[in-house]
């Protein structure tokens, strides 16, 4: 299937999803918000891949919301299919709230995916781009990369995930400074604070390195990886006691000896492991 904003390749258990509007700095037009969750949900539900790599094209990773979204009638977010045909003010606001939740879910799809999402970032990661990559499992950057909470610079509060996820990734005071000032955080500083896992000299080196990490993840039991991701995300938002109870319940249902036996057998026989894929699921059934 063809997409307006993305290109997709699948190789040996790794799905490479690329933002593909480099001439527009990969800004987020209305189609972006429906295409991305559709892609991620399909990859997750199919269970045929083990890792997702998110990268981009051109000079900048993502310039955030496209300017065309801000030039429509009414509020900026109204231009992304919110409250059309509704004239009463309260109902308009209620429709806008639903639309903001829709935009938020575009990036929450990364967290809900059954496999890890690795973001490879070059150049500018601005506004909505920060919302997007903070929802990924791991982030990697080129030396020329920078991050900017652009919303404050245009008179609005970031509302699609940055202010909720970034404080879980880097120190609170640093988040507040970035969010209040709208300044750029360069790749070196992002590495220092733990926002990115590694900084590479250029995009080619970064993509090579990230694909190596993705391949390593893809070689592990996909069920064990799924359980690990679920547990880490649950622990982020819950107490230690609640999280211990969660993993106990998970193991009771999902831990089976087959993958462990395969890991031990493959090591003893000096061969690569051969785990079953997660298998397809039917969303909503």
Protein backbone atom coordinates (compact mmCIF):
# COMPACT_ATOMS: atom_id res chain seq x y z
CA UNK A 1 0.00 0.00 0.00
CA UNK A 2 1.28 3.47 -0.84
CA UNK A 3 1.45 6.24 1.74
CA UNK A 4 1.76 10.02 1.41
CA UNK A 5 4.13 10.53 4.33
CA UNK A 6 5.97 7.22 4.75
CA UNK A 7 7.95 4.50 3.02
CA UNK A 8 8.26 1.00 4.52
CA UNK A 9 10.76 -1.82 4.04
CA UNK A 10 10.84 -5.15 5.85
CA UNK A 11 14.01 -7.23 6.08
CA UNK A 12 14.75 -10.20 8.34
CA UNK A 13 12.31 -9.30 11.06
CA UNK A 14 12.98 -5.54 11.01
CA UNK A 15 10.47 -3.05 9.62
CA UNK A 16 12.06 0.22 8.50
CA UNK A 17 9.50 3.05 8.48
CA UNK A 18 10.79 6.28 6.90
CA UNK A 19 9.25 9.74 6.88
CA UNK A 20 9.31 10.58 3.17
CA UNK A 21 8.56 14.27 2.66
CA UNK A 22 12.11 15.70 2.81
CA UNK A 23 11.34 18.80 0.74
CA UNK A 24 8.84 19.83 3.42
CA UNK A 25 11.19 18.78 6.24
CA UNK A 26 8.81 15.88 6.94
CA UNK A 27 6.26 18.18 8.51
CA UNK A 28 3.06 16.60 9.75
CA UNK A 29 0.20 17.13 7.32
CA UNK A 30 -3.27 15.72 8.12
CA UNK A 31 -2.51 12.43 6.33
CA UNK A 32 0.42 11.83 8.69
CA UNK A 33 -1.89 11.43 11.68
CA UNK A 34 -3.88 8.61 10.12
CA UNK A 35 -1.06 6.89 8.24
CA UNK A 36 1.38 6.43 11.11
CA UNK A 37 -0.92 4.59 13.54
CA UNK A 38 -2.27 2.52 10.65
CA UNK A 39 1.27 1.42 9.77
CA UNK A 40 2.33 0.70 13.35
CA UNK A 41 -0.90 -1.11 14.23
CA UNK A 42 -0.66 -3.30 11.14
CA UNK A 43 2.96 -4.23 11.85
CA UNK A 44 2.15 -4.97 15.48
CA UNK A 45 -1.01 -6.94 14.74
CA UNK A 46 0.61 -9.00 12.00
CA UNK A 47 3.34 -10.18 14.35
CA UNK A 48 5.63 -10.81 11.37
CA UNK A 49 8.37 -8.37 12.41
CA UNK A 50 10.39 -8.22 15.62
CA UNK A 51 11.55 -4.58 15.64
CA UNK A 52 10.48 -1.27 14.06
CA UNK A 53 13.08 1.32 13.02
CA UNK A 54 11.71 4.85 12.51
CA UNK A 55 13.92 7.15 10.46
CA UNK A 56 13.57 10.10 8.13
CA UNK A 57 14.86 11.63 4.92
CA UNK A 58 16.46 14.91 3.99
CA UNK A 59 18.09 17.58 6.14
CA UNK A 60 15.74 17.35 9.11
CA UNK A 61 14.04 14.48 10.88
CA UNK A 62 10.74 16.32 11.38
CA UNK A 63 9.72 19.98 11.48
CA UNK A 64 6.55 19.27 13.46
CA UNK A 65 3.03 20.27 12.46
CA UNK A 66 2.85 21.49 8.88
CA UNK A 67 2.12 25.20 8.45
CA UNK A 68 -0.95 24.38 6.34
CA UNK A 69 -2.60 23.02 9.46
CA UNK A 70 -2.32 26.45 11.09
CA UNK A 71 -3.76 28.40 8.17
CA UNK A 72 -7.27 26.94 8.18
CA UNK A 73 -10.34 28.58 9.68
CA UNK A 74 -10.63 28.51 13.47
CA UNK A 75 -8.14 26.97 15.85
CA UNK A 76 -5.04 25.23 14.57
CA UNK A 77 -6.14 21.74 15.53
CA UNK A 78 -9.61 22.37 14.07
CA UNK A 79 -7.95 22.16 10.66
CA UNK A 80 -7.21 18.47 11.29
CA UNK A 81 -10.83 17.34 10.92
CA UNK A 82 -12.11 18.51 14.31
CA UNK A 83 -15.61 19.87 14.79
CA UNK A 84 -16.47 20.21 11.11
CA UNK A 85 -20.04 21.35 10.61
CA UNK A 86 -20.57 22.02 14.34
CA UNK A 87 -21.56 25.58 15.23
CA UNK A 88 -22.42 25.43 18.94
CA UNK A 89 -19.38 26.42 20.99
CA UNK A 90 -19.51 23.68 23.64
CA UNK A 91 -19.91 20.98 21.03
CA UNK A 92 -17.04 22.42 19.03
CA UNK A 93 -14.77 22.26 22.09
CA UNK A 94 -15.88 18.68 22.82
CA UNK A 95 -15.10 17.69 19.23
CA UNK A 96 -11.69 19.37 19.48
CA UNK A 97 -10.90 17.38 22.63
CA UNK A 98 -11.71 14.14 20.82
CA UNK A 99 -9.43 15.20 17.97
CA UNK A 100 -6.54 15.97 20.31
CA UNK A 101 -6.96 12.50 21.80
CA UNK A 102 -6.82 11.12 18.24
CA UNK A 103 -3.56 12.96 17.60
CA UNK A 104 -2.13 11.68 20.89
CA UNK A 105 -3.01 8.11 20.00
CA UNK A 106 -0.90 8.42 16.80
CA UNK A 107 2.23 8.28 18.96
CA UNK A 108 0.81 6.08 21.72
CA UNK A 109 0.67 3.44 18.96
CA UNK A 110 4.46 3.11 19.43
CA UNK A 111 3.99 2.15 23.08
CA UNK A 112 1.12 -0.20 22.26
CA UNK A 113 3.10 -2.02 19.55
CA UNK A 114 4.14 -5.52 20.57
CA UNK A 115 7.72 -4.91 19.46
CA UNK A 116 10.28 -2.17 20.23
CA UNK A 117 10.41 1.02 18.17
CA UNK A 118 13.86 2.57 17.61
CA UNK A 119 13.99 6.19 16.39
CA UNK A 120 16.95 7.35 14.28
CA UNK A 121 17.07 11.15 14.26
CA UNK A 122 19.03 13.49 12.00
CA UNK A 123 18.92 17.29 11.91
CA UNK A 124 15.98 19.00 13.54
CA UNK A 125 13.44 17.15 15.68
CA UNK A 126 10.99 19.95 16.32
CA UNK A 127 7.59 20.32 17.98
CA UNK A 128 5.52 17.28 17.08
CA UNK A 129 8.74 15.47 16.21
CA UNK A 130 9.65 15.51 19.91
CA UNK A 131 6.18 14.22 20.79
CA UNK A 132 6.80 11.38 18.35
CA UNK A 133 10.27 10.23 19.38
CA UNK A 134 9.59 10.38 23.12
CA UNK A 135 7.03 7.60 22.55
CA UNK A 136 9.69 5.34 20.99
CA UNK A 137 11.56 2.73 23.03
CA UNK A 138 15.03 4.06 22.17
CA UNK A 139 16.39 7.13 20.39
CA UNK A 140 19.61 7.58 18.41
CA UNK A 141 20.92 10.76 16.81
CA UNK A 142 23.47 12.22 14.44
CA UNK A 143 25.94 14.83 15.62
CA UNK A 144 23.95 17.58 13.87
CA UNK A 145 20.64 16.59 15.47
CA UNK A 146 18.78 18.87 17.85
CA UNK A 147 15.49 18.80 19.76
CA UNK A 148 13.13 21.73 20.26
CA UNK A 149 9.80 21.99 22.10
CA UNK A 150 8.62 24.46 19.48
CA UNK A 151 5.07 24.87 20.75
CA UNK A 152 6.02 27.48 23.34
CA UNK A 153 7.62 29.57 20.58
CA UNK A 154 4.29 29.82 18.75
CA UNK A 155 2.17 30.57 21.80
CA UNK A 156 0.75 27.18 22.72
CA UNK A 157 1.25 24.36 25.19
CA UNK A 158 2.58 21.09 23.77
CA UNK A 159 -0.31 18.62 23.91
CA UNK A 160 0.55 15.40 22.04
CA UNK A 161 2.92 13.70 24.49
CA UNK A 162 6.14 15.67 25.02
CA UNK A 163 5.18 17.08 28.41
CA UNK A 164 3.93 13.69 29.58
CA UNK A 165 6.79 11.47 28.37
CA UNK A 166 9.89 13.67 28.40
CA UNK A 167 9.89 14.03 32.24
CA UNK A 168 10.11 10.22 32.39
CA UNK A 169 13.26 10.30 30.24
CA UNK A 170 15.39 13.25 31.41
CA UNK A 171 15.67 15.39 34.59
CA UNK A 172 12.63 17.46 35.50
CA UNK A 173 14.49 20.76 35.60
CA UNK A 174 15.89 20.19 32.13
CA UNK A 175 12.42 19.43 30.78
CA UNK A 176 11.05 22.62 32.30
CA UNK A 177 13.84 24.75 30.84
CA UNK A 178 13.32 23.29 27.36
CA UNK A 179 9.53 23.62 27.61
CA UNK A 180 9.57 27.17 28.98
CA UNK A 181 12.26 28.61 26.69
CA UNK A 182 11.80 26.67 23.45
CA UNK A 183 15.56 26.51 23.02
CA UNK A 184 17.31 23.84 21.02
CA UNK A 185 18.92 20.89 22.77
CA UNK A 186 21.85 19.64 20.65
CA UNK A 187 22.63 15.95 20.28
CA UNK A 188 25.55 16.05 22.72
CA UNK A 189 23.38 17.48 25.48
CA UNK A 190 20.61 15.00 24.65
CA UNK A 191 23.15 12.19 25.09
CA UNK A 192 24.39 13.67 28.36
CA UNK A 193 20.86 13.69 29.81
CA UNK A 194 19.92 10.27 28.45
CA UNK A 195 17.38 11.37 25.87
CA UNK A 196 19.34 9.50 23.18
CA UNK A 197 21.23 6.23 23.56
CA UNK A 198 24.06 7.06 21.17
CA UNK A 199 25.26 9.80 18.83
CA UNK A 200 26.68 8.95 15.39
CA UNK A 201 28.86 10.99 13.03
CA UNK A 202 26.29 11.01 10.22
CA UNK A 203 23.02 9.47 9.09
CA UNK A 204 24.58 6.54 7.23
CA UNK A 205 26.56 5.52 10.31
CA UNK A 206 23.49 5.97 12.48
CA UNK A 207 21.23 3.85 10.28
CA UNK A 208 23.86 1.12 10.09
CA UNK A 209 24.27 1.14 13.86
CA UNK A 210 20.56 1.25 14.61
CA UNK A 211 19.84 -1.59 12.19
CA UNK A 212 22.50 -3.66 13.95
CA UNK A 213 20.73 -3.06 17.26
CA UNK A 214 17.35 -3.83 15.67
CA UNK A 215 18.72 -7.09 14.26
CA UNK A 216 20.06 -8.06 17.68
CA UNK A 217 16.63 -7.46 19.21
CA UNK A 218 15.00 -9.41 16.38
CA UNK A 219 17.18 -12.42 17.21
CA UNK A 220 15.62 -12.74 20.68
CA UNK A 221 12.37 -14.45 21.60
CA UNK A 222 9.64 -12.06 20.36
CA UNK A 223 7.35 -13.15 23.20
CA UNK A 224 10.04 -12.39 25.79
CA UNK A 225 10.67 -9.01 24.14
CA UNK A 226 6.94 -8.27 24.16
CA UNK A 227 6.74 -9.11 27.86
CA UNK A 228 9.82 -7.02 28.62
CA UNK A 229 8.38 -3.98 26.84
CA UNK A 230 5.00 -4.37 28.56
CA UNK A 231 6.68 -4.66 31.95
CA UNK A 232 8.97 -1.65 31.48
CA UNK A 233 6.05 0.55 30.40
CA UNK A 234 3.86 -0.63 33.28
CA UNK A 235 6.68 -0.03 35.78
CA UNK A 236 7.20 3.51 34.46
CA UNK A 237 3.71 4.48 35.60
CA UNK A 238 3.23 2.30 38.72
CA UNK A 239 4.82 1.48 42.06
CA UNK A 240 7.42 -1.24 42.48
CA UNK A 241 4.89 -3.39 44.38
CA UNK A 242 2.25 -3.04 41.67
CA UNK A 243 4.84 -3.76 38.99
CA UNK A 244 6.05 -6.92 40.71
CA UNK A 245 2.46 -8.15 40.87
CA UNK A 246 2.06 -7.32 37.18
CA UNK A 247 5.07 -9.35 36.05
CA UNK A 248 3.97 -12.24 38.28
CA UNK A 249 0.59 -12.26 36.51
CA UNK A 250 2.25 -11.91 33.09
CA UNK A 251 4.59 -14.84 33.71
CA UNK A 252 1.74 -16.99 34.99
CA UNK A 253 -0.02 -16.65 31.65
CA UNK A 254 2.65 -15.93 29.03
CA UNK A 255 5.81 -17.70 30.17
CA UNK A 256 6.12 -21.06 28.43
CA UNK A 257 9.28 -23.22 28.28
CA UNK A 258 9.47 -23.54 24.48
CA UNK A 259 11.50 -20.39 23.75
CA UNK A 260 13.85 -20.99 26.68
CA UNK A 261 14.46 -24.56 25.48
CA UNK A 262 15.21 -23.25 21.98
CA UNK A 263 17.69 -20.70 23.38
CA UNK A 264 19.59 -23.36 25.30
CA UNK A 265 19.49 -25.87 22.42
CA UNK A 266 20.71 -23.33 19.87
CA UNK A 267 23.62 -22.36 22.12
CA UNK A 268 24.57 -26.00 22.70
CA UNK A 269 24.43 -26.71 18.96
CA UNK A 270 26.33 -23.57 18.03
CA UNK A 271 23.57 -22.19 15.79
CA UNK A 272 21.29 -19.17 15.63
CA UNK A 273 18.00 -19.35 17.48
CA UNK A 274 14.81 -20.00 15.53
CA UNK A 275 11.87 -18.56 17.44
CA UNK A 276 8.30 -18.44 16.17
CA UNK A 277 6.91 -15.02 15.29
CA UNK A 278 4.33 -13.53 17.66
CA UNK A 279 1.59 -14.40 15.22
CA UNK A 280 -1.27 -12.27 13.96
CA UNK A 281 -4.03 -10.86 16.13
CA UNK A 282 -7.41 -9.45 15.08
CA UNK A 283 -7.86 -6.01 16.60
CA UNK A 284 -11.22 -5.60 18.28
CA UNK A 285 -12.24 -9.27 18.09
